[in-house]
C-alpha atoms as a PDB file:
ATOM      1  CA  MET A   1     -16.887 -13.087 -23.388  1.00  0.00           C
ATOM      2  CA  LYS A   2     -15.849 -10.535 -25.968  1.00  0.00           C
ATOM      3  CA  LEU A   3     -16.705  -7.584 -23.720  1.00  0.00           C
ATOM      4  CA  PHE A   4     -14.198  -8.612 -21.068  1.00  0.00           C
ATOM      5  CA  GLU A   5     -11.524  -9.652 -23.574  1.00  0.00           C
ATOM      6  CA  GLY A   6     -11.537  -6.087 -24.915  1.00  0.00           C
ATOM      7  CA  LEU A   7     -10.833  -4.746 -21.438  1.00  0.00           C
ATOM      8  CA  ALA A   8      -7.451  -6.508 -21.358  1.00  0.00           C
ATOM      9  CA  GLN A   9      -5.913  -3.693 -23.362  1.00  0.00           C
ATOM     10  CA  TYR A  10      -6.469  -1.392 -20.370  1.00  0.00           C
ATOM     11  CA  ARG A  11      -4.637  -3.634 -17.900  1.00  0.00           C
ATOM     12  CA  PRO A  12      -1.658  -1.255 -17.404  1.00  0.00           C
ATOM     13  CA  GLN A  13      -3.968   1.682 -16.704  1.00  0.00           C
ATOM     14  CA  ALA A  14      -6.126  -0.332 -14.290  1.00  0.00           C
ATOM     15  CA  LEU A  15      -2.978  -1.502 -12.462  1.00  0.00           C
ATOM     16  CA  GLY A  16      -1.736   2.086 -12.270  1.00  0.00           C
ATOM     17  CA  VAL A  17      -5.041   3.272 -10.816  1.00  0.00           C
ATOM     18  CA  LEU A  18      -5.017   0.393  -8.290  1.00  0.00           C
ATOM     19  CA  ARG A  19      -1.463   1.340  -7.240  1.00  0.00           C
ATOM     20  CA  ILE A  20      -2.262   5.051  -6.912  1.00  0.00           C
ATOM     21  CA  MET A  21      -5.525   4.633  -5.001  1.00  0.00           C
ATOM     22  CA  THR A  22      -4.012   2.043  -2.652  1.00  0.00           C
ATOM     23  CA  ALA A  23      -1.052   4.351  -2.032  1.00  0.00           C
ATOM     24  CA  LEU A  24      -3.319   7.319  -1.268  1.00  0.00           C
ATOM     25  CA  GLN A  25      -5.223   5.265   1.301  1.00  0.00           C
ATOM     26  CA  PHE A  26      -1.935   4.054   2.774  1.00  0.00           C
ATOM     27  CA  ILE A  27      -0.564   7.604   3.043  1.00  0.00           C
ATOM     28  CA  GLU A  28      -3.624   8.449   5.115  1.00  0.00           C
ATOM     29  CA  HIS A  29      -2.645   5.802   7.675  1.00  0.00           C
ATOM     30  CA  GLY A  30       0.803   7.378   7.928  1.00  0.00           C
ATOM     31  CA  THR A  31      -0.461  10.962   8.232  1.00  0.00           C
ATOM     32  CA  GLN A  32      -2.923   9.923  10.912  1.00  0.00           C
ATOM     33  CA  LYS A  33      -0.118   8.449  13.001  1.00  0.00           C
ATOM     34  CA  LEU A  34       2.415  11.210  12.312  1.00  0.00           C
ATOM     35  CA  PHE A  35       0.243  14.339  12.223  1.00  0.00           C
ATOM     36  CA  ASN A  36      -3.099  13.160  13.657  1.00  0.00           C
ATOM     37  CA  PHE A  37      -4.665  14.000  10.297  1.00  0.00           C
ATOM     38  CA  PRO A  38      -7.313  12.977   9.768  1.00  0.00           C
ATOM     39  CA  ALA A  39      -7.968  13.107  13.498  1.00  0.00           C
ATOM     40  CA  GLY A  40      -8.065   9.687  15.076  1.00  0.00           C
ATOM     41  CA  GLU A  41      -6.929   7.467  17.914  1.00  0.00           C
ATOM     42  CA  HIS A  42      -3.230   7.853  17.164  1.00  0.00           C
ATOM     43  CA  ALA A  43      -2.646  11.246  18.783  1.00  0.00           C
ATOM     44  CA  GLY A  44       0.570  11.624  20.747  1.00  0.00           C
ATOM     45  CA  PRO A  45       4.279  11.162  20.224  1.00  0.00           C
ATOM     46  CA  LEU A  46       5.515   8.033  18.487  1.00  0.00           C
ATOM     47  CA  SER A  47       8.693   6.060  18.981  1.00  0.00           C
ATOM     48  CA  GLY A  48      10.069   2.682  18.088  1.00  0.00           C
ATOM     49  CA  LEU A  49       7.891   0.352  16.048  1.00  0.00           C
ATOM     50  CA  PRO A  50       4.877   2.686  15.714  1.00  0.00           C
ATOM     51  CA  LEU A  51       7.129   5.493  14.407  1.00  0.00           C
ATOM     52  CA  THR A  52       8.765   3.106  11.939  1.00  0.00           C
ATOM     53  CA  ALA A  53       5.349   1.947  10.726  1.00  0.00           C
ATOM     54  CA  ALA A  54       4.124   5.541  10.350  1.00  0.00           C
ATOM     55  CA  LEU A  55       7.194   6.540   8.329  1.00  0.00           C
ATOM     56  CA  LEU A  56       6.898   3.464   6.102  1.00  0.00           C
ATOM     57  CA  GLU A  57       3.237   4.219   5.492  1.00  0.00           C
ATOM     58  CA  PHE A  58       3.786   7.911   4.749  1.00  0.00           C
ATOM     59  CA  VAL A  59       7.023   7.794   2.723  1.00  0.00           C
ATOM     60  CA  GLY A  60       6.300   4.397   1.170  1.00  0.00           C
ATOM     61  CA  GLY A  61       2.816   5.530   0.215  1.00  0.00           C
ATOM     62  CA  ILE A  62       4.186   8.633  -1.509  1.00  0.00           C
ATOM     63  CA  LEU A  63       6.749   6.562  -3.431  1.00  0.00           C
ATOM     64  CA  LEU A  64       4.050   4.113  -4.509  1.00  0.00           C
ATOM     65  CA  ALA A  65       1.688   6.892  -5.557  1.00  0.00           C
ATOM     66  CA  LEU A  66       4.452   8.292  -7.758  1.00  0.00           C
ATOM     67  CA  GLY A  67       5.340   4.826  -9.009  1.00  0.00           C
ATOM     68  CA  LEU A  68       8.948   5.298  -7.923  1.00  0.00           C
ATOM     69  CA  LEU A  69      10.881   2.197  -6.833  1.00  0.00           C
ATOM     70  CA  THR A  70       7.556   0.403  -6.897  1.00  0.00           C
ATOM     71  CA  ARG A  71       8.719  -3.191  -6.507  1.00  0.00           C
ATOM     72  CA  PRO A  72      11.196  -2.727  -3.618  1.00  0.00           C
ATOM     73  CA  VAL A  73       8.820  -0.361  -1.797  1.00  0.00           C
ATOM     74  CA  ALA A  74       5.916  -2.787  -2.275  1.00  0.00           C
ATOM     75  CA  PHE A  75       8.152  -5.553  -0.867  1.00  0.00           C
ATOM     76  CA  LEU A  76       8.832  -3.531   2.301  1.00  0.00           C
ATOM     77  CA  LEU A  77       5.209  -2.504   2.719  1.00  0.00           C
ATOM     78  CA  CYS A  78       3.948  -6.048   2.145  1.00  0.00           C
ATOM     79  CA  GLY A  79       6.218  -7.206   4.972  1.00  0.00           C
ATOM     80  CA  GLU A  80       5.128  -4.334   7.186  1.00  0.00           C
ATOM     81  CA  MET A  81       1.461  -5.258   6.727  1.00  0.00           C
ATOM     82  CA  ALA A  82       2.107  -8.955   7.400  1.00  0.00           C
ATOM     83  CA  ILE A  83       3.946  -8.063  10.608  1.00  0.00           C
ATOM     84  CA  ALA A  84       1.246  -5.549  11.578  1.00  0.00           C
ATOM     85  CA  TYR A  85      -1.447  -8.158  11.102  1.00  0.00           C
ATOM     86  CA  PHE A  86       0.227 -10.832  13.184  1.00  0.00           C
ATOM     87  CA  MET A  87       1.455  -8.461  15.918  1.00  0.00           C
ATOM     88  CA  ALA A  88      -1.511  -6.098  16.292  1.00  0.00           C
ATOM     89  CA  HIS A  89      -4.588  -7.785  14.864  1.00  0.00           C
ATOM     90  CA  ALA A  90      -4.356 -11.579  15.063  1.00  0.00           C
ATOM     91  CA  PRO A  91      -3.911 -11.672  18.868  1.00  0.00           C
ATOM     92  CA  ARG A  92      -7.288  -9.910  19.296  1.00  0.00           C
ATOM     93  CA  ASP A  93      -9.376 -12.540  17.494  1.00  0.00           C
ATOM     94  CA  PHE A  94      -8.982 -15.269  14.879  1.00  0.00           C
ATOM     95  CA  PHE A  95     -11.312 -13.654  12.354  1.00  0.00           C
ATOM     96  CA  PRO A  96     -10.062 -10.546  10.493  1.00  0.00           C
ATOM     97  CA  VAL A  97     -13.535  -8.976  10.470  1.00  0.00           C
ATOM     98  CA  ASN A  98     -13.497  -9.134  14.284  1.00  0.00           C
ATOM     99  CA  ASN A  99      -9.869  -8.123  14.883  1.00  0.00           C
ATOM    100  CA  GLY A 100      -9.817  -5.083  12.562  1.00  0.00           C
ATOM    101  CA  GLY A 101      -7.170  -6.627  10.353  1.00  0.00           C
ATOM    102  CA  ASP A 102      -9.010  -6.832   7.037  1.00  0.00           C
ATOM    103  CA  SER A 103      -7.351  -3.674   5.696  1.00  0.00           C
ATOM    104  CA  ALA A 104      -3.908  -4.943   6.742  1.00  0.00           C
ATOM    105  CA  ILE A 105      -4.544  -8.196   4.858  1.00  0.00           C
ATOM    106  CA  SER A 106      -5.836  -6.343   1.786  1.00  0.00           C
ATOM    107  CA  PHE A 107      -2.867  -3.957   1.757  1.00  0.00           C
ATOM    108  CA  CYS A 108      -0.468  -6.891   2.210  1.00  0.00           C
ATOM    109  CA  PHE A 109      -1.815  -8.790  -0.784  1.00  0.00           C
ATOM    110  CA  ILE A 110      -2.112  -5.726  -3.037  1.00  0.00           C
ATOM    111  CA  PHE A 111       1.532  -4.917  -2.273  1.00  0.00           C
ATOM    112  CA  LEU A 112       2.453  -8.552  -2.921  1.00  0.00           C
ATOM    113  CA  TYR A 113       0.752  -8.287  -6.304  1.00  0.00           C
ATOM    114  CA  LEU A 114       2.640  -5.066  -7.106  1.00  0.00           C
ATOM    115  CA  ILE A 115       5.944  -6.822  -6.415  1.00  0.00           C
ATOM    116  CA  PHE A 116       5.183  -9.222  -9.263  1.00  0.00           C
ATOM    117  CA  ALA A 117       3.108  -7.013 -11.585  1.00  0.00           C
ATOM    118  CA  GLY A 118       5.148  -3.824 -11.356  1.00  0.00           C
ATOM    119  CA  PRO A 119       3.755  -0.292 -11.278  1.00  0.00           C
ATOM    120  CA  GLY A 120       1.435  -0.299 -14.276  1.00  0.00           C
ATOM    121  CA  ALA A 121       0.781   2.966 -16.106  1.00  0.00           C
ATOM    122  CA  PHE A 122       1.326   6.501 -14.766  1.00  0.00           C
ATOM    123  CA  ALA A 123       4.558   5.601 -12.925  1.00  0.00           C
ATOM    124  CA  LEU A 124       7.914   7.323 -12.719  1.00  0.00           C
ATOM    125  CA  ASP A 125       9.452   3.843 -12.910  1.00  0.00           C
ATOM    126  CA  ASN A 126       8.359   3.791 -16.567  1.00  0.00           C
ATOM    127  CA  ARG A 127      10.653   6.724 -17.542  1.00  0.00           C
ATOM    128  CA  ASN A 128      13.489   4.378 -18.503  1.00  0.00           C
ATOM    129  CA  ASN A 129      11.173   2.266 -20.677  1.00  0.00           C
ATOM    130  CA  ALA A 130      10.032   5.367 -22.588  1.00  0.00           C
ATOM    131  CA  ARG A 131      13.615   6.290 -23.530  1.00  0.00           C
ATOM    132  CA  ALA A 132      14.493   2.869 -24.924  1.00  0.00           C
END
């Protein structure tokens, strides 16, 4: 259809918006674990694996929102979400809707896509391309 073919010209902007909005949601997971903001179940001191996950979510989310080192950060976060799913969610139940793992799966596959697609528009990674 012609209508949808015309939308292709906005692919970089749509990818940039997807990256930014996903990163903002991911930052929220990190701030909840690190600072209990927004208030949730994760109150209390963190160490080991939960602290590592919180730092990856917070710092990695900020880097993704800025579009800085997008592909390597997306690679790390994709792995984190795969590990989180199989360690924390899958043992609870087979079905993601029942084990609370649907967001982990969604994050994992969006990050996987960003590894291949790059940052899209509105990214600091694009500074070098603008100078060429």
